[in-house]
Protein backbone atom coordinates (compact mmCIF):
# COMPACT_ATOMS: atom_id res chain seq x y z
CA UNK A 1 38.31 -34.51 -16.29
CA UNK A 2 39.09 -37.55 -17.69
CA UNK A 3 36.60 -41.17 -15.89
CA UNK A 4 40.04 -42.21 -14.20
CA UNK A 5 40.24 -38.40 -13.16
CA UNK A 6 36.47 -38.72 -11.49
CA UNK A 7 37.41 -41.89 -9.62
CA UNK A 8 39.53 -40.62 -8.68
CA UNK A 9 37.94 -37.90 -6.92
CA UNK A 10 35.30 -40.09 -5.77
CA UNK A 11 37.58 -41.56 -3.49
CA UNK A 12 38.82 -38.90 -1.30
CA UNK A 13 35.69 -37.74 -1.21
CA UNK A 14 36.14 -34.65 -2.86
CA UNK A 15 32.88 -34.50 -4.73
CA UNK A 16 28.67 -33.96 -3.98
CA UNK A 17 25.46 -34.90 -5.78
CA UNK A 18 24.97 -34.47 -9.09
CA UNK A 19 22.14 -32.07 -9.90
CA UNK A 20 21.30 -30.43 -13.28
CA UNK A 21 20.52 -32.57 -17.17
CA UNK A 22 23.47 -35.35 -17.79
CA UNK A 23 25.98 -33.60 -19.95
CA UNK A 24 27.82 -36.35 -22.16
CA UNK A 25 31.07 -36.77 -22.09
CA UNK A 26 32.42 -36.70 -25.95
CA UNK A 27 36.40 -36.81 -24.89
CA UNK A 28 35.51 -39.17 -22.23
CA UNK A 29 32.81 -41.22 -22.45
CA UNK A 30 33.29 -43.23 -20.05
CA UNK A 31 32.63 -40.70 -17.50
CA UNK A 32 29.48 -39.18 -18.40
CA UNK A 33 28.29 -43.15 -17.15
CA UNK A 34 30.10 -42.96 -14.53
CA UNK A 35 29.04 -39.58 -13.25
CA UNK A 36 25.16 -41.04 -13.47
CA UNK A 37 25.92 -44.10 -11.99
CA UNK A 38 27.20 -43.25 -8.89
CA UNK A 39 25.10 -39.33 -8.30
CA UNK A 40 28.25 -37.54 -8.12
CA UNK A 41 29.46 -34.45 -9.15
CA UNK A 42 33.71 -33.06 -9.08
CA UNK A 43 34.08 -29.73 -9.33
CA UNK A 44 36.94 -29.16 -11.62
CA UNK A 45 38.31 -25.99 -9.37
CA UNK A 46 38.57 -28.96 -6.78
CA UNK A 47 40.59 -30.29 -9.01
CA UNK A 48 42.65 -28.31 -10.88
CA UNK A 49 46.38 -28.49 -9.44
CA UNK A 50 46.27 -32.18 -11.80
CA UNK A 51 44.20 -30.79 -14.29
CA UNK A 52 46.79 -28.12 -15.02
CA UNK A 53 49.70 -30.71 -14.24
CA UNK A 54 47.95 -32.88 -17.01
CA UNK A 55 47.01 -29.97 -19.76
CA UNK A 56 51.40 -29.25 -18.91
CA UNK A 57 52.21 -32.75 -20.48
CA UNK A 58 49.47 -32.30 -23.86
CA UNK A 59 52.56 -30.21 -25.19
């Protein structure tokens, strides 16, 4: 998941309060930063079609 994916999910209302300890996102540092700033988490399960499509294009 990228920061852009996270932003899209926030705009669609597909988030919940961030819980637990912050974790880094070395593949996209902006993602961890935005999660801390917004205090919102997006469960990957909610974005499964988008994430699978992204994986399919990375061959």
